[in-house]
C-alpha atoms as a PDB file:
ATOM      1  CA  MET A   1      10.491 -17.980-182.366  1.00  0.00           C
ATOM      2  CA  LYS A   2       7.571 -17.047-184.692  1.00  0.00           C
ATOM      3  CA  ARG A   3       4.495 -18.879-184.486  1.00  0.00           C
ATOM      4  CA  PHE A   4       4.334 -21.567-187.986  1.00  0.00           C
ATOM      5  CA  LEU A   5       2.289 -20.054-190.240  1.00  0.00           C
ATOM      6  CA  PHE A   6       0.811 -22.098-193.481  1.00  0.00           C
ATOM      7  CA  ARG A   7       0.616 -19.583-196.494  1.00  0.00           C
ATOM      8  CA  LEU A   8      -2.092 -22.378-198.742  1.00  0.00           C
ATOM      9  CA  GLU A   9      -3.738 -22.833-194.790  1.00  0.00           C
ATOM     10  CA  SER A  10      -7.379 -21.355-196.672  1.00  0.00           C
ATOM     11  CA  ALA A  11      -6.226 -23.485-200.031  1.00  0.00           C
ATOM     12  CA  LEU A  12      -5.911 -26.772-197.873  1.00  0.00           C
ATOM     13  CA  ARG A  13      -9.758 -25.496-196.255  1.00  0.00           C
ATOM     14  CA  TRP A  14     -10.838 -24.724-200.150  1.00  0.00           C
ATOM     15  CA  ARG A  15      -9.440 -28.069-201.260  1.00  0.00           C
ATOM     16  CA  GLN A  16     -10.839 -30.083-198.122  1.00  0.00           C
ATOM     17  CA  ARG A  17     -14.539 -28.836-199.190  1.00  0.00           C
ATOM     18  CA  ARG A  18     -14.696 -29.690-202.003  1.00  0.00           C
ATOM     19  CA  LEU A  19     -13.446 -33.286-201.469  1.00  0.00           C
ATOM     20  CA  GLU A  20     -16.489 -33.839-198.838  1.00  0.00           C
ATOM     21  CA  GLN A  21     -18.830 -32.029-201.484  1.00  0.00           C
ATOM     22  CA  GLU A  22     -17.338 -34.700-204.211  1.00  0.00           C
ATOM     23  CA  GLU A  23     -17.897 -38.032-201.403  1.00  0.00           C
ATOM     24  CA  SER A  24     -21.156 -36.333-199.965  1.00  0.00           C
ATOM     25  CA  ARG A  25     -22.148 -36.514-204.655  1.00  0.00           C
ATOM     26  CA  LEU A  26     -20.987 -39.672-204.100  1.00  0.00           C
ATOM     27  CA  ARG A  27     -22.950 -41.443-201.589  1.00  0.00           C
ATOM     28  CA  SER A  28     -25.883 -40.145-203.163  1.00  0.00           C
ATOM     29  CA  LEU A  29     -25.307 -41.859-206.057  1.00  0.00           C
ATOM     30  CA  ALA A  30     -24.657 -44.703-204.344  1.00  0.00           C
ATOM     31  CA  ALA A  31     -27.773 -44.010-202.245  1.00  0.00           C
ATOM     32  CA  GLU A  32     -29.843 -43.558-205.806  1.00  0.00           C
ATOM     33  CA  ARG A  33     -28.141 -46.616-207.138  1.00  0.00           C
ATOM     34  CA  ASP A  34     -29.307 -48.810-203.846  1.00  0.00           C
ATOM     35  CA  ALA A  35     -32.836 -47.207-204.095  1.00  0.00           C
ATOM     36  CA  LEU A  36     -32.928 -48.420-208.120  1.00  0.00           C
ATOM     37  CA  ARG A  37     -31.631 -52.006-207.253  1.00  0.00           C
ATOM     38  CA  GLU A  38     -34.018 -52.140-204.304  1.00  0.00           C
ATOM     39  CA  ARG A  39     -37.077 -51.644-206.844  1.00  0.00           C
ATOM     40  CA  ILE A  40     -35.488 -53.596-209.204  1.00  0.00           C
ATOM     41  CA  ARG A  41     -35.685 -56.625-206.844  1.00  0.00           C
ATOM     42  CA  GLN A  42     -39.407 -55.850-205.517  1.00  0.00           C
ATOM     43  CA  ILE A  43     -40.516 -55.870-209.282  1.00  0.00           C
ATOM     44  CA  GLY A  44     -39.033 -59.348-209.142  1.00  0.00           C
ATOM     45  CA  GLU A  45     -40.647 -60.848-205.746  1.00  0.00           C
ATOM     46  CA  ALA A  46     -44.378 -58.895-207.410  1.00  0.00           C
ATOM     47  CA  ARG A  47     -43.632 -61.126-210.235  1.00  0.00           C
ATOM     48  CA  ARG A  48     -43.276 -63.876-208.698  1.00  0.00           C
ATOM     49  CA  ARG A  49     -45.923 -63.594-205.936  1.00  0.00           C
ATOM     50  CA  ALA A  50     -48.334 -62.749-208.860  1.00  0.00           C
ATOM     51  CA  GLU A  51     -47.630 -65.844-210.257  1.00  0.00           C
ATOM     52  CA  ARG A  52     -47.447 -68.086-207.375  1.00  0.00           C
ATOM     53  CA  GLU A  53     -51.333 -66.903-206.665  1.00  0.00           C
ATOM     54  CA  LEU A  54     -52.719 -67.462-209.634  1.00  0.00           C
ATOM     55  CA  LEU A  55     -50.890 -70.308-210.510  1.00  0.00           C
ATOM     56  CA  GLY A  56     -51.658 -71.828-207.002  1.00  0.00           C
ATOM     57  CA  GLN A  57     -55.464 -71.720-208.238  1.00  0.00           C
ATOM     58  CA  ALA A  58     -57.072 -74.700-208.827  1.00  0.00           C
ATOM     59  CA  SER A  59     -58.401 -73.501-212.041  1.00  0.00           C
ATOM     60  CA  ILE A  60     -57.617 -70.509-213.661  1.00  0.00           C
ATOM     61  CA  PRO A  61     -60.004 -68.454-216.277  1.00  0.00           C
ATOM     62  CA  ALA A  62     -58.507 -66.919-218.968  1.00  0.00           C
ATOM     63  CA  GLU A  63     -59.459 -63.421-218.228  1.00  0.00           C
ATOM     64  CA  ASP A  64     -57.005 -63.971-215.136  1.00  0.00           C
ATOM     65  CA  LEU A  65     -53.677 -64.991-217.623  1.00  0.00           C
ATOM     66  CA  ALA A  66     -54.251 -62.797-219.585  1.00  0.00           C
ATOM     67  CA  ALA A  67     -53.845 -59.996-217.015  1.00  0.00           C
ATOM     68  CA  LEU A  68     -51.387 -61.781-215.518  1.00  0.00           C
ATOM     69  CA  GLU A  69     -49.478 -61.708-218.834  1.00  0.00           C
ATOM     70  CA  ALA A  70     -50.400 -57.993-219.029  1.00  0.00           C
ATOM     71  CA  TYR A  71     -49.269 -57.339-215.385  1.00  0.00           C
ATOM     72  CA  ARG A  72     -45.517 -59.417-216.619  1.00  0.00           C
ATOM     73  CA  LEU A  73     -44.924 -57.246-219.328  1.00  0.00           C
ATOM     74  CA  ARG A  74     -45.976 -54.035-217.102  1.00  0.00           C
ATOM     75  CA  LEU A  75     -43.637 -55.367-214.921  1.00  0.00           C
ATOM     76  CA  ALA A  76     -41.039 -56.372-217.898  1.00  0.00           C
ATOM     77  CA  ARG A  77     -41.252 -52.495-218.640  1.00  0.00           C
ATOM     78  CA  GLU A  78     -40.374 -51.192-215.453  1.00  0.00           C
ATOM     79  CA  ARG A  79     -37.822 -53.562-215.129  1.00  0.00           C
ATOM     80  CA  ALA A  80     -35.851 -52.492-218.204  1.00  0.00           C
ATOM     81  CA  ARG A  81     -36.807 -48.704-217.709  1.00  0.00           C
ATOM     82  CA  LEU A  82     -35.430 -49.493-213.513  1.00  0.00           C
ATOM     83  CA  GLU A  83     -32.407 -51.356-214.998  1.00  0.00           C
ATOM     84  CA  GLN A  84     -31.867 -48.406-217.632  1.00  0.00           C
ATOM     85  CA  ALA A  85     -32.003 -45.662-214.944  1.00  0.00           C
ATOM     86  CA  GLU A  86     -29.128 -48.088-213.238  1.00  0.00           C
ATOM     87  CA  ALA A  87     -26.787 -48.376-215.481  1.00  0.00           C
ATOM     88  CA  ASP A  88     -26.570 -44.039-216.444  1.00  0.00           C
ATOM     89  CA  CYS A  89     -26.340 -44.195-212.487  1.00  0.00           C
ATOM     90  CA  GLU A  90     -22.958 -46.694-212.252  1.00  0.00           C
ATOM     91  CA  GLY A  91     -21.733 -44.729-215.100  1.00  0.00           C
ATOM     92  CA  ARG A  92     -22.355 -41.037-213.217  1.00  0.00           C
ATOM     93  CA  LEU A  93     -21.221 -43.055-210.049  1.00  0.00           C
ATOM     94  CA  ALA A  94     -17.816 -43.585-212.282  1.00  0.00           C
ATOM     95  CA  ALA A  95     -17.055 -40.424-212.855  1.00  0.00           C
ATOM     96  CA  GLN A  96     -17.758 -39.356-209.902  1.00  0.00           C
ATOM     97  CA  ARG A  97     -15.530 -42.277-208.141  1.00  0.00           C
ATOM     98  CA  GLU A  98     -12.437 -40.037-210.468  1.00  0.00           C
ATOM     99  CA  ARG A  99     -13.450 -36.801-209.617  1.00  0.00           C
ATOM    100  CA  VAL A 100     -13.013 -37.935-205.677  1.00  0.00           C
ATOM    101  CA  LEU A 101      -9.989 -39.140-206.416  1.00  0.00           C
ATOM    102  CA  GLU A 102      -9.010 -35.941-208.031  1.00  0.00           C
ATOM    103  CA  ALA A 103     -10.209 -33.866-205.411  1.00  0.00           C
ATOM    104  CA  ARG A 104      -8.351 -36.254-202.618  1.00  0.00           C
ATOM    105  CA  ARG A 105      -5.050 -36.263-204.880  1.00  0.00           C
ATOM    106  CA  ASP A 106      -5.027 -32.102-204.656  1.00  0.00           C
ATOM    107  CA  VAL A 107      -5.962 -32.466-200.862  1.00  0.00           C
ATOM    108  CA  ARG A 108      -3.073 -34.355-200.387  1.00  0.00           C
ATOM    109  CA  VAL A 109      -0.322 -32.506-202.117  1.00  0.00           C
ATOM    110  CA  ILE A 110      -1.086 -29.575-200.441  1.00  0.00           C
ATOM    111  CA  GLU A 111      -1.390 -31.827-197.116  1.00  0.00           C
ATOM    112  CA  LYS A 112       2.272 -33.182-197.896  1.00  0.00           C
ATOM    113  CA  LEU A 113       3.604 -29.136-199.036  1.00  0.00           C
ATOM    114  CA  ARG A 114       2.033 -28.561-194.840  1.00  0.00           C
ATOM    115  CA  GLU A 115       3.938 -31.056-193.833  1.00  0.00           C
ATOM    116  CA  ARG A 116       7.618 -30.150-195.118  1.00  0.00           C
ATOM    117  CA  ARG A 117       6.817 -26.891-194.230  1.00  0.00           C
ATOM    118  CA  LEU A 118       6.328 -27.599-190.815  1.00  0.00           C
ATOM    119  CA  ALA A 119       9.605 -30.052-190.580  1.00  0.00           C
ATOM    120  CA  GLU A 120      11.037 -26.746-192.412  1.00  0.00           C
ATOM    121  CA  TRP A 121       9.822 -24.388-189.481  1.00  0.00           C
ATOM    122  CA  GLN A 122      10.615 -27.414-186.384  1.00  0.00           C
ATOM    123  CA  ALA A 123      13.794 -27.937-187.712  1.00  0.00           C
ATOM    124  CA  GLU A 124      14.955 -23.727-187.582  1.00  0.00           C
ATOM    125  CA  ALA A 125      12.714 -23.739-184.338  1.00  0.00           C
ATOM    126  CA  ASP A 126      14.905 -26.327-183.089  1.00  0.00           C
ATOM    127  CA  ARG A 127      18.052 -24.556-184.172  1.00  0.00           C
ATOM    128  CA  GLU A 128      16.767 -21.156-182.815  1.00  0.00           C
ATOM    129  CA  LEU A 129      16.359 -23.038-179.687  1.00  0.00           C
ATOM    130  CA  GLU A 130      19.465 -24.523-179.242  1.00  0.00           C
ATOM    131  CA  GLY A 131      21.186 -21.546-180.587  1.00  0.00           C
ATOM    132  CA  LEU A 132      19.561 -19.453-177.429  1.00  0.00           C
ATOM    133  CA  ALA A 133      20.253 -22.953-174.899  1.00  0.00           C
ATOM    134  CA  ALA A 134      24.243 -22.443-175.821  1.00  0.00           C
ATOM    135  CA  GLU A 135      24.128 -18.639-175.540  1.00  0.00           C
ATOM    136  CA  VAL A 136      22.153 -18.884-171.791  1.00  0.00           C
ATOM    137  CA  PHE A 137      24.837 -21.497-171.053  1.00  0.00           C
ATOM    138  CA  LEU A 138      28.177 -19.777-172.052  1.00  0.00           C
ATOM    139  CA  ALA A 139      26.882 -17.047-170.467  1.00  0.00           C
ATOM    140  CA  ARG A 140      26.455 -18.543-167.139  1.00  0.00           C
ATOM    141  CA  TRP A 141      29.887 -20.387-167.858  1.00  0.00           C
ATOM    142  CA  GLY A 142      31.531 -17.032-168.173  1.00  0.00           C
ATOM    143  CA  ARG A 143      30.462 -15.364-164.900  1.00  0.00           C
ATOM    144  CA  ARG A 144      31.630 -17.994-163.086  1.00  0.00           C
END
C-alpha cells in the first residue's frame, strides 16, 4: 500500500504562510490603531490636567489664560490629526480584514480538498487491506 501523497501540499503551505502574513499585518494595524487611540486619550488627559492646574489657582494672570488657550488649540490640532490618522488606520484595517478572510477561504478550500483526498485514500487502503485479509483467510482455509 502506498503512502498518502497530496499533490497540492506545497500550495497549501504557501497559502498558510500567506494567511499568517496577512494576520500579522492585521495585528500590526490593530496595534497602530490602539496606539493612536491611546495618544488621543493622553491628549485629552493632558488638557484636563492643565485646565485643572490653572483654574485651581486663586488668581490667574491673563498671560497664563492666553498660554492655556494656545495649548488647548495646539492639543485640538494634534487630536484632530490623530483622529484623522485613526480613521485612515480603520480603513486600512477593514481592507486588511478582507484580505485575511480571503486568505482563510483560500486555505480552507485546499484543506477541504486534502481532507476529501485523504478520505478517498483511506477508503482505498481499507479496501486493499480487506482484500489482503480475505486472501490470507482463503489461503489458510484452503490448506485445511
